[in-house]
N, C-alpha and C. Protein backbone atom coordinates (compact mmCIF):
# COMPACT_ATOMS: atom_id res chain seq x y z
N MET A 1 -24.01 -12.93 9.55
CA MET A 1 -24.15 -11.50 9.80
C MET A 1 -22.78 -10.85 9.98
N GLN A 2 -21.94 -11.45 10.83
CA GLN A 2 -20.63 -10.86 11.08
C GLN A 2 -19.72 -10.93 9.86
N GLU A 3 -19.90 -11.96 9.03
CA GLU A 3 -19.06 -12.07 7.84
C GLU A 3 -19.35 -10.96 6.83
N PHE A 4 -20.48 -10.26 6.98
CA PHE A 4 -20.78 -9.11 6.15
C PHE A 4 -20.52 -7.80 6.89
N PHE A 5 -20.88 -7.74 8.17
CA PHE A 5 -20.85 -6.47 8.89
C PHE A 5 -19.43 -5.94 9.07
N PHE A 6 -18.54 -6.75 9.61
CA PHE A 6 -17.20 -6.25 9.93
C PHE A 6 -16.38 -5.89 8.69
N PRO A 7 -16.36 -6.71 7.63
CA PRO A 7 -15.63 -6.25 6.44
C PRO A 7 -16.20 -4.96 5.85
N CYS A 8 -17.51 -4.80 5.88
CA CYS A 8 -18.11 -3.56 5.38
C CYS A 8 -17.76 -2.38 6.28
N LEU A 9 -17.71 -2.62 7.58
CA LEU A 9 -17.31 -1.57 8.52
C LEU A 9 -15.87 -1.15 8.27
N TRP A 10 -14.97 -2.12 8.07
CA TRP A 10 -13.56 -1.78 7.82
C TRP A 10 -13.41 -1.06 6.49
N ALA A 11 -14.19 -1.47 5.49
CA ALA A 11 -14.14 -0.78 4.20
C ALA A 11 -14.66 0.65 4.34
N PHE A 12 -15.71 0.84 5.15
CA PHE A 12 -16.23 2.19 5.41
C PHE A 12 -15.14 3.05 6.04
N LEU A 13 -14.49 2.53 7.08
CA LEU A 13 -13.45 3.29 7.78
C LEU A 13 -12.24 3.56 6.88
N ALA A 14 -11.86 2.57 6.07
CA ALA A 14 -10.74 2.78 5.16
C ALA A 14 -11.07 3.84 4.11
N SER A 15 -12.29 3.83 3.62
CA SER A 15 -12.70 4.83 2.63
C SER A 15 -12.77 6.22 3.24
N VAL A 16 -13.22 6.30 4.49
CA VAL A 16 -13.24 7.60 5.18
C VAL A 16 -11.81 8.11 5.34
N ALA A 17 -10.88 7.22 5.73
CA ALA A 17 -9.49 7.63 5.90
C ALA A 17 -8.89 8.09 4.56
N PHE A 18 -9.15 7.35 3.49
CA PHE A 18 -8.65 7.77 2.18
C PHE A 18 -9.33 9.05 1.73
N GLY A 19 -10.59 9.26 2.10
CA GLY A 19 -11.26 10.51 1.79
C GLY A 19 -10.59 11.70 2.45
N LEU A 20 -10.12 11.50 3.67
CA LEU A 20 -9.38 12.57 4.35
C LEU A 20 -8.05 12.84 3.65
N VAL A 21 -7.38 11.78 3.22
CA VAL A 21 -6.11 11.94 2.51
C VAL A 21 -6.34 12.66 1.18
N TYR A 22 -7.43 12.36 0.51
CA TYR A 22 -7.76 12.99 -0.77
C TYR A 22 -8.38 14.36 -0.60
N ASN A 23 -8.47 14.84 0.64
CA ASN A 23 -8.95 16.18 0.95
C ASN A 23 -10.41 16.39 0.54
N ILE A 24 -11.24 15.39 0.81
CA ILE A 24 -12.67 15.51 0.57
C ILE A 24 -13.31 16.04 1.84
N HIS A 25 -14.17 17.05 1.71
CA HIS A 25 -14.70 17.76 2.86
C HIS A 25 -16.15 17.42 3.13
N GLY A 26 -16.57 17.69 4.36
CA GLY A 26 -17.98 17.64 4.74
C GLY A 26 -18.63 16.29 4.55
N GLY A 27 -19.84 16.34 3.97
CA GLY A 27 -20.61 15.13 3.76
C GLY A 27 -20.01 14.21 2.72
N GLY A 28 -19.07 14.70 1.94
CA GLY A 28 -18.42 13.87 0.94
C GLY A 28 -17.65 12.72 1.56
N ILE A 29 -17.12 12.93 2.76
CA ILE A 29 -16.38 11.87 3.44
C ILE A 29 -17.32 10.73 3.79
N LEU A 30 -18.50 11.06 4.28
CA LEU A 30 -19.48 10.03 4.60
C LEU A 30 -19.92 9.28 3.34
N ILE A 31 -20.09 10.00 2.25
CA ILE A 31 -20.47 9.37 0.99
C ILE A 31 -19.38 8.42 0.51
N CYS A 32 -18.12 8.84 0.64
CA CYS A 32 -17.02 7.95 0.26
C CYS A 32 -17.02 6.68 1.11
N GLY A 33 -17.26 6.85 2.41
CA GLY A 33 -17.32 5.68 3.29
C GLY A 33 -18.46 4.75 2.93
N LEU A 34 -19.62 5.32 2.61
CA LEU A 34 -20.75 4.49 2.20
C LEU A 34 -20.47 3.78 0.88
N GLY A 35 -19.76 4.45 -0.01
CA GLY A 35 -19.39 3.80 -1.27
C GLY A 35 -18.46 2.62 -1.06
N GLY A 36 -17.47 2.78 -0.17
CA GLY A 36 -16.57 1.67 0.12
C GLY A 36 -17.29 0.51 0.78
N ALA A 37 -18.20 0.82 1.71
CA ALA A 37 -18.98 -0.24 2.37
C ALA A 37 -19.91 -0.93 1.38
N LEU A 38 -20.52 -0.16 0.49
CA LEU A 38 -21.39 -0.74 -0.54
C LEU A 38 -20.60 -1.68 -1.44
N GLY A 39 -19.40 -1.26 -1.82
CA GLY A 39 -18.57 -2.10 -2.68
C GLY A 39 -18.22 -3.42 -2.03
N TRP A 40 -17.85 -3.39 -0.75
CA TRP A 40 -17.52 -4.64 -0.06
C TRP A 40 -18.76 -5.50 0.13
N PHE A 41 -19.90 -4.87 0.39
CA PHE A 41 -21.13 -5.65 0.55
C PHE A 41 -21.46 -6.39 -0.74
N VAL A 42 -21.39 -5.69 -1.87
CA VAL A 42 -21.69 -6.32 -3.15
C VAL A 42 -20.66 -7.41 -3.45
N TYR A 43 -19.39 -7.13 -3.18
CA TYR A 43 -18.33 -8.12 -3.41
C TYR A 43 -18.59 -9.39 -2.61
N LEU A 44 -18.90 -9.24 -1.33
CA LEU A 44 -19.15 -10.41 -0.49
C LEU A 44 -20.44 -11.13 -0.90
N ALA A 45 -21.46 -10.38 -1.27
CA ALA A 45 -22.72 -11.00 -1.66
C ALA A 45 -22.57 -11.80 -2.95
N VAL A 46 -21.83 -11.26 -3.92
CA VAL A 46 -21.64 -11.98 -5.18
C VAL A 46 -20.73 -13.18 -4.98
N GLN A 47 -19.80 -13.10 -4.04
CA GLN A 47 -18.93 -14.24 -3.78
C GLN A 47 -19.68 -15.42 -3.17
N LEU A 48 -20.87 -15.20 -2.66
CA LEU A 48 -21.68 -16.32 -2.19
C LEU A 48 -22.12 -17.22 -3.35
N LEU A 49 -22.18 -16.64 -4.54
CA LEU A 49 -22.48 -17.43 -5.74
C LEU A 49 -21.21 -18.17 -6.16
N PRO A 50 -21.34 -19.31 -6.81
CA PRO A 50 -20.13 -20.07 -7.18
C PRO A 50 -19.49 -19.57 -8.48
N ILE A 51 -19.16 -18.27 -8.56
CA ILE A 51 -18.59 -17.74 -9.79
C ILE A 51 -17.20 -17.15 -9.61
N GLY A 52 -16.70 -17.04 -8.39
CA GLY A 52 -15.34 -16.59 -8.19
C GLY A 52 -15.21 -15.13 -7.80
N SER A 53 -13.97 -14.73 -7.56
CA SER A 53 -13.71 -13.39 -7.05
C SER A 53 -13.63 -12.33 -8.15
N ILE A 54 -13.27 -12.71 -9.36
CA ILE A 54 -13.13 -11.72 -10.42
C ILE A 54 -14.49 -11.16 -10.84
N PRO A 55 -15.53 -11.97 -11.07
CA PRO A 55 -16.85 -11.38 -11.34
C PRO A 55 -17.41 -10.61 -10.14
N ALA A 56 -17.05 -11.03 -8.93
CA ALA A 56 -17.49 -10.30 -7.74
C ALA A 56 -16.87 -8.91 -7.71
N ALA A 57 -15.59 -8.81 -8.07
CA ALA A 57 -14.94 -7.50 -8.13
C ALA A 57 -15.55 -6.63 -9.21
N PHE A 58 -15.91 -7.23 -10.34
CA PHE A 58 -16.57 -6.49 -11.42
C PHE A 58 -17.90 -5.91 -10.94
N ALA A 59 -18.70 -6.74 -10.27
CA ALA A 59 -20.01 -6.29 -9.78
C ALA A 59 -19.85 -5.20 -8.73
N ALA A 60 -18.86 -5.35 -7.85
CA ALA A 60 -18.63 -4.35 -6.81
C ALA A 60 -18.19 -3.03 -7.43
N ALA A 61 -17.30 -3.08 -8.41
CA ALA A 61 -16.85 -1.85 -9.07
C ALA A 61 -18.00 -1.17 -9.81
N ALA A 62 -18.85 -1.96 -10.44
CA ALA A 62 -20.01 -1.38 -11.14
C ALA A 62 -20.96 -0.72 -10.14
N ALA A 63 -21.18 -1.36 -9.00
CA ALA A 63 -22.06 -0.78 -7.98
C ALA A 63 -21.47 0.52 -7.43
N ILE A 64 -20.17 0.52 -7.19
CA ILE A 64 -19.51 1.73 -6.70
C ILE A 64 -19.59 2.84 -7.74
N ALA A 65 -19.41 2.51 -9.01
CA ALA A 65 -19.47 3.52 -10.06
C ALA A 65 -20.86 4.14 -10.16
N VAL A 66 -21.90 3.31 -10.09
CA VAL A 66 -23.27 3.84 -10.14
C VAL A 66 -23.52 4.73 -8.93
N PHE A 67 -23.12 4.27 -7.75
CA PHE A 67 -23.29 5.06 -6.53
C PHE A 67 -22.54 6.39 -6.63
N SER A 68 -21.29 6.34 -7.11
CA SER A 68 -20.48 7.56 -7.21
C SER A 68 -21.05 8.54 -8.22
N GLU A 69 -21.52 8.03 -9.35
CA GLU A 69 -22.13 8.91 -10.35
C GLU A 69 -23.37 9.60 -9.79
N CYS A 70 -24.21 8.85 -9.10
CA CYS A 70 -25.44 9.43 -8.53
C CYS A 70 -25.12 10.46 -7.45
N MET A 71 -24.20 10.14 -6.57
CA MET A 71 -23.85 11.07 -5.49
C MET A 71 -23.16 12.32 -6.04
N ALA A 72 -22.33 12.15 -7.05
CA ALA A 72 -21.66 13.31 -7.64
C ALA A 72 -22.67 14.24 -8.32
N ARG A 73 -23.67 13.68 -8.95
CA ARG A 73 -24.70 14.52 -9.58
C ARG A 73 -25.56 15.21 -8.53
N LEU A 74 -25.88 14.51 -7.45
CA LEU A 74 -26.67 15.13 -6.39
C LEU A 74 -25.92 16.26 -5.70
N ARG A 75 -24.63 16.07 -5.47
CA ARG A 75 -23.85 17.07 -4.76
C ARG A 75 -23.14 18.05 -5.68
N ARG A 76 -23.23 17.81 -6.99
CA ARG A 76 -22.57 18.65 -7.99
C ARG A 76 -21.06 18.74 -7.72
N CYS A 77 -20.46 17.56 -7.59
CA CYS A 77 -19.02 17.43 -7.36
C CYS A 77 -18.45 16.47 -8.41
N PRO A 78 -17.13 16.45 -8.58
CA PRO A 78 -16.54 15.50 -9.53
C PRO A 78 -16.72 14.05 -9.08
N VAL A 79 -16.90 13.17 -10.02
CA VAL A 79 -17.12 11.76 -9.73
C VAL A 79 -15.84 11.08 -9.27
N THR A 80 -14.71 11.51 -9.79
CA THR A 80 -13.46 10.78 -9.56
C THR A 80 -13.09 10.68 -8.09
N GLY A 81 -13.36 11.72 -7.32
CA GLY A 81 -13.04 11.66 -5.90
C GLY A 81 -13.80 10.55 -5.19
N TYR A 82 -15.09 10.47 -5.44
CA TYR A 82 -15.91 9.43 -4.81
C TYR A 82 -15.53 8.05 -5.33
N LEU A 83 -15.31 7.94 -6.62
CA LEU A 83 -15.04 6.65 -7.24
C LEU A 83 -13.69 6.08 -6.79
N GLN A 84 -12.65 6.89 -6.84
CA GLN A 84 -11.33 6.40 -6.47
C GLN A 84 -11.26 6.01 -5.01
N VAL A 85 -11.83 6.84 -4.16
CA VAL A 85 -11.76 6.56 -2.72
C VAL A 85 -12.56 5.32 -2.36
N ALA A 86 -13.72 5.14 -2.97
CA ALA A 86 -14.55 3.97 -2.66
C ALA A 86 -13.96 2.68 -3.23
N LEU A 87 -13.20 2.77 -4.32
CA LEU A 87 -12.59 1.57 -4.91
C LEU A 87 -11.34 1.11 -4.16
N LEU A 88 -10.70 1.99 -3.42
CA LEU A 88 -9.42 1.64 -2.80
C LEU A 88 -9.47 0.44 -1.87
N PRO A 89 -10.51 0.22 -1.06
CA PRO A 89 -10.51 -0.99 -0.23
C PRO A 89 -10.57 -2.29 -1.02
N LEU A 90 -10.98 -2.24 -2.27
CA LEU A 90 -11.07 -3.44 -3.09
C LEU A 90 -9.79 -3.74 -3.87
N VAL A 91 -8.83 -2.83 -3.87
CA VAL A 91 -7.60 -3.02 -4.64
C VAL A 91 -6.85 -4.23 -4.08
N PRO A 92 -6.44 -5.15 -4.95
CA PRO A 92 -5.83 -6.41 -4.48
C PRO A 92 -4.36 -6.28 -4.11
N GLY A 93 -4.07 -5.51 -3.09
CA GLY A 93 -2.69 -5.33 -2.65
C GLY A 93 -2.07 -6.59 -2.08
N SER A 94 -2.86 -7.38 -1.37
CA SER A 94 -2.31 -8.61 -0.80
C SER A 94 -1.95 -9.60 -1.90
N GLY A 95 -2.69 -9.59 -3.00
CA GLY A 95 -2.36 -10.47 -4.11
C GLY A 95 -1.01 -10.16 -4.71
N ILE A 96 -0.70 -8.87 -4.84
CA ILE A 96 0.60 -8.46 -5.36
C ILE A 96 1.70 -8.89 -4.39
N TYR A 97 1.47 -8.70 -3.10
CA TYR A 97 2.45 -9.09 -2.09
C TYR A 97 2.72 -10.59 -2.15
N TYR A 98 1.66 -11.39 -2.14
CA TYR A 98 1.84 -12.84 -2.14
C TYR A 98 2.44 -13.34 -3.46
N ALA A 99 2.13 -12.70 -4.56
CA ALA A 99 2.74 -13.08 -5.83
C ALA A 99 4.25 -12.85 -5.78
N MET A 100 4.67 -11.71 -5.27
CA MET A 100 6.10 -11.43 -5.17
C MET A 100 6.78 -12.36 -4.15
N ARG A 101 6.07 -12.68 -3.11
CA ARG A 101 6.61 -13.61 -2.11
C ARG A 101 6.85 -14.99 -2.73
N HIS A 102 5.89 -15.48 -3.52
CA HIS A 102 6.06 -16.76 -4.19
C HIS A 102 7.17 -16.70 -5.24
N CYS A 103 7.32 -15.56 -5.88
CA CYS A 103 8.37 -15.39 -6.88
C CYS A 103 9.75 -15.48 -6.23
N VAL A 104 9.92 -14.78 -5.12
CA VAL A 104 11.20 -14.78 -4.42
C VAL A 104 11.52 -16.16 -3.86
N ALA A 105 10.49 -16.88 -3.42
CA ALA A 105 10.68 -18.22 -2.86
C ALA A 105 10.90 -19.27 -3.95
N GLY A 106 10.76 -18.89 -5.22
CA GLY A 106 10.97 -19.83 -6.31
C GLY A 106 9.78 -20.73 -6.59
N GLU A 107 8.62 -20.38 -6.08
CA GLU A 107 7.40 -21.17 -6.31
C GLU A 107 6.69 -20.62 -7.55
N THR A 108 7.15 -21.06 -8.70
CA THR A 108 6.70 -20.49 -9.97
C THR A 108 5.21 -20.70 -10.21
N GLN A 109 4.71 -21.88 -9.93
CA GLN A 109 3.29 -22.16 -10.19
C GLN A 109 2.39 -21.27 -9.32
N LEU A 110 2.70 -21.17 -8.03
CA LEU A 110 1.92 -20.30 -7.14
C LEU A 110 2.06 -18.84 -7.54
N PHE A 111 3.27 -18.45 -7.94
CA PHE A 111 3.51 -17.08 -8.38
C PHE A 111 2.61 -16.72 -9.56
N LEU A 112 2.60 -17.57 -10.57
CA LEU A 112 1.81 -17.28 -11.77
C LEU A 112 0.31 -17.27 -11.49
N SER A 113 -0.16 -18.23 -10.71
CA SER A 113 -1.61 -18.26 -10.42
C SER A 113 -2.04 -17.06 -9.59
N THR A 114 -1.23 -16.69 -8.60
CA THR A 114 -1.56 -15.53 -7.77
C THR A 114 -1.49 -14.24 -8.59
N LEU A 115 -0.47 -14.13 -9.43
CA LEU A 115 -0.31 -12.93 -10.25
C LEU A 115 -1.46 -12.78 -11.24
N LEU A 116 -1.85 -13.87 -11.89
CA LEU A 116 -2.95 -13.79 -12.85
C LEU A 116 -4.28 -13.47 -12.16
N ASN A 117 -4.50 -14.03 -10.98
CA ASN A 117 -5.72 -13.71 -10.23
C ASN A 117 -5.72 -12.23 -9.83
N THR A 118 -4.57 -11.73 -9.41
CA THR A 118 -4.46 -10.32 -9.01
C THR A 118 -4.71 -9.40 -10.20
N PHE A 119 -4.10 -9.71 -11.34
CA PHE A 119 -4.33 -8.89 -12.53
C PHE A 119 -5.79 -8.96 -12.98
N GLY A 120 -6.39 -10.13 -12.85
CA GLY A 120 -7.81 -10.27 -13.19
C GLY A 120 -8.69 -9.43 -12.29
N MET A 121 -8.37 -9.42 -10.99
CA MET A 121 -9.13 -8.58 -10.05
C MET A 121 -8.98 -7.10 -10.40
N ALA A 122 -7.75 -6.67 -10.64
CA ALA A 122 -7.51 -5.26 -10.95
C ALA A 122 -8.20 -4.86 -12.25
N ALA A 123 -8.11 -5.72 -13.25
CA ALA A 123 -8.75 -5.42 -14.53
C ALA A 123 -10.27 -5.40 -14.40
N SER A 124 -10.83 -6.31 -13.61
CA SER A 124 -12.29 -6.32 -13.45
C SER A 124 -12.76 -5.09 -12.68
N LEU A 125 -11.97 -4.59 -11.74
CA LEU A 125 -12.32 -3.34 -11.07
C LEU A 125 -12.35 -2.19 -12.06
N ALA A 126 -11.33 -2.12 -12.90
CA ALA A 126 -11.26 -1.03 -13.87
C ALA A 126 -12.39 -1.12 -14.90
N VAL A 127 -12.62 -2.30 -15.44
CA VAL A 127 -13.65 -2.46 -16.47
C VAL A 127 -15.05 -2.26 -15.88
N GLY A 128 -15.28 -2.77 -14.68
CA GLY A 128 -16.59 -2.59 -14.05
C GLY A 128 -16.91 -1.13 -13.81
N ALA A 129 -15.94 -0.38 -13.29
CA ALA A 129 -16.16 1.04 -13.04
C ALA A 129 -16.35 1.80 -14.34
N MET A 130 -15.52 1.48 -15.33
CA MET A 130 -15.60 2.19 -16.61
C MET A 130 -16.91 1.89 -17.33
N LEU A 131 -17.31 0.64 -17.36
CA LEU A 131 -18.54 0.26 -18.06
C LEU A 131 -19.77 0.88 -17.41
N ALA A 132 -19.86 0.81 -16.09
CA ALA A 132 -21.02 1.38 -15.40
C ALA A 132 -21.08 2.89 -15.57
N SER A 133 -19.93 3.56 -15.46
CA SER A 133 -19.91 5.02 -15.64
C SER A 133 -20.30 5.41 -17.05
N THR A 134 -19.81 4.67 -18.03
CA THR A 134 -20.13 4.98 -19.42
C THR A 134 -21.61 4.80 -19.71
N VAL A 135 -22.18 3.70 -19.23
CA VAL A 135 -23.61 3.45 -19.45
C VAL A 135 -24.44 4.54 -18.78
N LEU A 136 -24.07 4.92 -17.56
CA LEU A 136 -24.83 5.97 -16.88
C LEU A 136 -24.72 7.31 -17.60
N ARG A 137 -23.54 7.63 -18.10
CA ARG A 137 -23.39 8.90 -18.80
C ARG A 137 -24.15 8.94 -20.12
N ILE A 138 -24.40 7.77 -20.69
CA ILE A 138 -25.20 7.71 -21.91
C ILE A 138 -26.69 7.77 -21.58
N VAL A 139 -27.11 7.06 -20.53
CA VAL A 139 -28.53 6.92 -20.21
C VAL A 139 -29.10 8.13 -19.48
N LEU A 140 -28.38 8.67 -18.51
CA LEU A 140 -28.93 9.73 -17.66
C LEU A 140 -29.38 10.98 -18.41
N PRO A 141 -28.66 11.47 -19.41
CA PRO A 141 -29.17 12.67 -20.10
C PRO A 141 -30.48 12.45 -20.84
N HIS A 142 -30.82 11.21 -21.15
CA HIS A 142 -32.05 10.93 -21.90
C HIS A 142 -33.25 10.67 -21.00
N LEU A 143 -33.04 10.61 -19.70
CA LEU A 143 -34.17 10.43 -18.79
C LEU A 143 -34.95 11.73 -18.68
N PRO A 144 -36.25 11.66 -18.49
CA PRO A 144 -37.04 12.89 -18.36
C PRO A 144 -36.65 13.65 -17.09
N GLN A 145 -36.56 14.95 -17.23
CA GLN A 145 -36.18 15.81 -16.12
C GLN A 145 -37.42 16.24 -15.34
N ARG A 146 -37.29 16.28 -14.03
CA ARG A 146 -38.37 16.84 -13.21
C ARG A 146 -38.03 18.30 -12.97
N HIS A 147 -38.93 19.17 -13.33
CA HIS A 147 -38.70 20.60 -13.15
C HIS A 147 -39.38 21.07 -11.88
N LYS A 148 -38.69 21.94 -11.16
CA LYS A 148 -39.27 22.50 -9.94
C LYS A 148 -40.24 23.62 -10.32
N LYS A 149 -41.35 23.68 -9.60
CA LYS A 149 -42.29 24.78 -9.80
C LYS A 149 -41.78 25.99 -9.05
N THR A 150 -41.80 27.13 -9.72
CA THR A 150 -41.32 28.35 -9.07
C THR A 150 -42.44 29.26 -8.71
């Protein structure tokens, strides 16, 4: 329970903080926080499977993209604010740090493995978000619309 709750809580708080930096107002800040928490939840849940961190990052980015697209349509706001802010807690900053640390220490093998894993994580975040957003933008206009009775 705690291995899911606290990382999701920190991701929620980090996304809320980035939402404030990105000047997102009102209920949008809460939506950004929920998107960040959702992303970490999906990332941690997929990592329970024996497939590694790169597919987990892909799944988390896709979940965040679907969530951001839906919330942006409901609130009639741009998607990019929600998407960028919710993806920020998943960005592999520590991987870049440790790769450079291994490089400076002359540990070439560790440097290359850490760097490739970091690039894989970053690429899977980008591809997951792009693929999910593209599929939604193709599928959503073809869904039947519910019209309000006036």
